[in-house]
Amino acid sequence: KPYFQNFNRSIEVKESQSFNITLEAKAYPMPISYTWFHPTGRQLMNDQLNIFVNQGQLSLINIHRNDLGIYRCIATNSIGYTEVNFTLNVLCTLNILNES
């Protein structure tokens, strides 16, 4: 079944920036298919405006606060599957208003 090598389990990105991660699984036999999940549990696909998925690569464009959380990637081949998680932390800017 597939397995993942070392990868960063906690990632920080500033709000409104873009983010890209590649998780490459090793397995025999090939091929390997990848499925990505948002922290809400919904499957990530290319049909959303700011999300691009290409096998083991995930790109999020114009990150927002609601993008933070634990993401899952599942790699599957004919023998079985392996799941890995990583945490995306979104660094937000605080706007302080001075009322005078």
C-alpha atoms as a PDB file:
ATOM      1  CA  LYS A   1       0.000   0.000   0.000  1.00  0.00           C
ATOM      2  CA  PRO A   2       1.169   3.611  -0.437  1.00  0.00           C
ATOM      3  CA  TYR A   3       3.258   5.429   2.143  1.00  0.00           C
ATOM      4  CA  PHE A   4       4.364   9.033   2.546  1.00  0.00           C
ATOM      5  CA  GLN A   5       7.886  10.168   3.298  1.00  0.00           C
ATOM      6  CA  ASN A   6       8.669  13.093   5.590  1.00  0.00           C
ATOM      7  CA  PHE A   7       6.627  16.257   5.149  1.00  0.00           C
ATOM      8  CA  ASN A   8       5.793  19.368   7.147  1.00  0.00           C
ATOM      9  CA  ARG A   9       2.846  18.654   9.465  1.00  0.00           C
ATOM     10  CA  SER A  10       2.279  22.297  10.413  1.00  0.00           C
ATOM     11  CA  ILE A  11       2.308  25.153   7.910  1.00  0.00           C
ATOM     12  CA  GLU A  12       1.789  28.888   8.433  1.00  0.00           C
ATOM     13  CA  VAL A  13       0.524  31.171   5.661  1.00  0.00           C
ATOM     14  CA  LYS A  14      -0.429  34.847   5.832  1.00  0.00           C
ATOM     15  CA  GLU A  15      -4.022  35.685   5.026  1.00  0.00           C
ATOM     16  CA  SER A  16      -4.594  36.643   1.345  1.00  0.00           C
ATOM     17  CA  GLN A  17      -1.417  34.846   0.227  1.00  0.00           C
ATOM     18  CA  SER A  18      -1.291  31.618  -1.764  1.00  0.00           C
ATOM     19  CA  PHE A  19      -0.216  28.209  -0.528  1.00  0.00           C
ATOM     20  CA  ASN A  20       1.134  25.157  -2.308  1.00  0.00           C
ATOM     21  CA  ILE A  21       2.039  21.717  -0.954  1.00  0.00           C
ATOM     22  CA  THR A  22       3.125  18.539  -2.701  1.00  0.00           C
ATOM     23  CA  LEU A  23       2.772  15.209  -0.903  1.00  0.00           C
ATOM     24  CA  GLU A  24       4.317  12.398  -2.885  1.00  0.00           C
ATOM     25  CA  ALA A  25       3.441   8.856  -1.892  1.00  0.00           C
ATOM     26  CA  LYS A  26       5.556   5.832  -2.762  1.00  0.00           C
ATOM     27  CA  ALA A  27       3.890   2.557  -3.649  1.00  0.00           C
ATOM     28  CA  TYR A  28       4.036  -0.628  -5.628  1.00  0.00           C
ATOM     29  CA  PRO A  29       2.069  -1.335  -7.679  1.00  0.00           C
ATOM     30  CA  MET A  30       1.411   1.975  -9.383  1.00  0.00           C
ATOM     31  CA  PRO A  31      -0.665   4.000 -10.134  1.00  0.00           C
ATOM     32  CA  ILE A  32      -1.492   6.020  -7.038  1.00  0.00           C
ATOM     33  CA  SER A  33      -4.570   8.221  -6.842  1.00  0.00           C
ATOM     34  CA  TYR A  34      -4.886  11.092  -4.370  1.00  0.00           C
ATOM     35  CA  THR A  35      -7.934  12.514  -2.614  1.00  0.00           C
ATOM     36  CA  TRP A  36      -7.796  15.779  -0.645  1.00  0.00           C
ATOM     37  CA  PHE A  37     -10.149  16.918   2.127  1.00  0.00           C
ATOM     38  CA  HIS A  38     -10.802  20.350   3.653  1.00  0.00           C
ATOM     39  CA  PRO A  39     -10.958  20.624   7.484  1.00  0.00           C
ATOM     40  CA  THR A  40     -14.771  20.699   7.182  1.00  0.00           C
ATOM     41  CA  GLY A  41     -14.632  17.188   5.692  1.00  0.00           C
ATOM     42  CA  ARG A  42     -15.603  18.200   2.162  1.00  0.00           C
ATOM     43  CA  GLN A  43     -13.539  16.767  -0.679  1.00  0.00           C
ATOM     44  CA  LEU A  44     -11.348  19.343  -2.415  1.00  0.00           C
ATOM     45  CA  MET A  45     -11.702  19.499  -6.175  1.00  0.00           C
ATOM     46  CA  ASN A  46     -10.794  21.887  -8.967  1.00  0.00           C
ATOM     47  CA  ASP A  47     -14.358  23.183  -9.234  1.00  0.00           C
ATOM     48  CA  GLN A  48     -13.856  25.749  -6.471  1.00  0.00           C
ATOM     49  CA  LEU A  49     -12.520  29.175  -7.423  1.00  0.00           C
ATOM     50  CA  ASN A  50      -9.405  29.254  -5.255  1.00  0.00           C
ATOM     51  CA  ILE A  51      -8.527  25.534  -5.111  1.00  0.00           C
ATOM     52  CA  PHE A  52      -6.339  23.560  -7.502  1.00  0.00           C
ATOM     53  CA  VAL A  53      -5.738  19.830  -7.033  1.00  0.00           C
ATOM     54  CA  ASN A  54      -3.372  17.803  -9.206  1.00  0.00           C
ATOM     55  CA  GLN A  55      -2.648  14.344  -7.804  1.00  0.00           C
ATOM     56  CA  GLY A  56      -0.373  14.928  -4.772  1.00  0.00           C
ATOM     57  CA  GLN A  57      -0.305  18.694  -5.201  1.00  0.00           C
ATOM     58  CA  LEU A  58      -2.714  21.092  -3.491  1.00  0.00           C
ATOM     59  CA  SER A  59      -2.781  24.844  -4.147  1.00  0.00           C
ATOM     60  CA  LEU A  60      -4.972  27.365  -2.350  1.00  0.00           C
ATOM     61  CA  ILE A  61      -5.163  30.872  -3.795  1.00  0.00           C
ATOM     62  CA  ASN A  62      -5.951  33.950  -1.689  1.00  0.00           C
ATOM     63  CA  ILE A  63      -6.101  32.181   1.691  1.00  0.00           C
ATOM     64  CA  HIS A  64      -8.805  33.257   4.160  1.00  0.00           C
ATOM     65  CA  ARG A  65      -9.290  32.627   7.876  1.00  0.00           C
ATOM     66  CA  ASN A  66     -11.843  29.907   7.179  1.00  0.00           C
ATOM     67  CA  ASP A  67      -9.147  27.927   5.304  1.00  0.00           C
ATOM     68  CA  LEU A  68      -7.314  27.120   8.546  1.00  0.00           C
ATOM     69  CA  GLY A  69      -7.470  23.664  10.070  1.00  0.00           C
ATOM     70  CA  ILE A  70      -6.389  20.078   9.536  1.00  0.00           C
ATOM     71  CA  TYR A  71      -6.252  18.934   5.905  1.00  0.00           C
ATOM     72  CA  ARG A  72      -6.221  15.260   4.849  1.00  0.00           C
ATOM     73  CA  CYS A  73      -4.621  13.614   1.861  1.00  0.00           C
ATOM     74  CA  ILE A  74      -5.393   9.981   1.037  1.00  0.00           C
ATOM     75  CA  ALA A  75      -3.171   8.050  -1.366  1.00  0.00           C
ATOM     76  CA  THR A  76      -4.708   4.881  -2.823  1.00  0.00           C
ATOM     77  CA  ASN A  77      -3.481   2.046  -5.031  1.00  0.00           C
ATOM     78  CA  SER A  78      -4.779  -1.463  -5.756  1.00  0.00           C
ATOM     79  CA  ILE A  79      -3.369  -2.796  -2.443  1.00  0.00           C
ATOM     80  CA  GLY A  80      -4.830  -0.205  -0.074  1.00  0.00           C
ATOM     81  CA  TYR A  81      -4.590   3.375   1.103  1.00  0.00           C
ATOM     82  CA  THR A  82      -2.678   5.640   3.469  1.00  0.00           C
ATOM     83  CA  GLU A  83      -3.905   8.886   4.986  1.00  0.00           C
ATOM     84  CA  VAL A  84      -1.820  11.833   6.211  1.00  0.00           C
ATOM     85  CA  ASN A  85      -2.845  15.074   7.883  1.00  0.00           C
ATOM     86  CA  PHE A  86      -1.274  18.498   8.128  1.00  0.00           C
ATOM     87  CA  THR A  87      -2.375  21.666   9.898  1.00  0.00           C
ATOM     88  CA  LEU A  88      -2.704  24.926   8.000  1.00  0.00           C
ATOM     89  CA  ASN A  89      -2.445  27.975  10.268  1.00  0.00           C
ATOM     90  CA  VAL A  90      -3.587  31.274   8.757  1.00  0.00           C
ATOM     91  CA  LEU A  91      -1.814  34.349  10.115  1.00  0.00           C
ATOM     92  CA  CYS A  92      -4.286  37.237  10.198  1.00  0.00           C
ATOM     93  CA  THR A  93      -3.654  40.962  10.425  1.00  0.00           C
ATOM     94  CA  LEU A  94      -5.524  42.810  13.135  1.00  0.00           C
ATOM     95  CA  ASN A  95      -6.972  46.191  12.271  1.00  0.00           C
ATOM     96  CA  ILE A  96      -7.201  48.402  15.338  1.00  0.00           C
ATOM     97  CA  LEU A  97      -9.497  51.386  15.050  1.00  0.00           C
ATOM     98  CA  ASN A  98      -8.711  54.415  17.159  1.00  0.00           C
ATOM     99  CA  GLU A  99     -11.948  56.039  18.211  1.00  0.00           C
ATOM    100  CA  SER A 100     -11.349  59.627  19.238  1.00  0.00           C
END
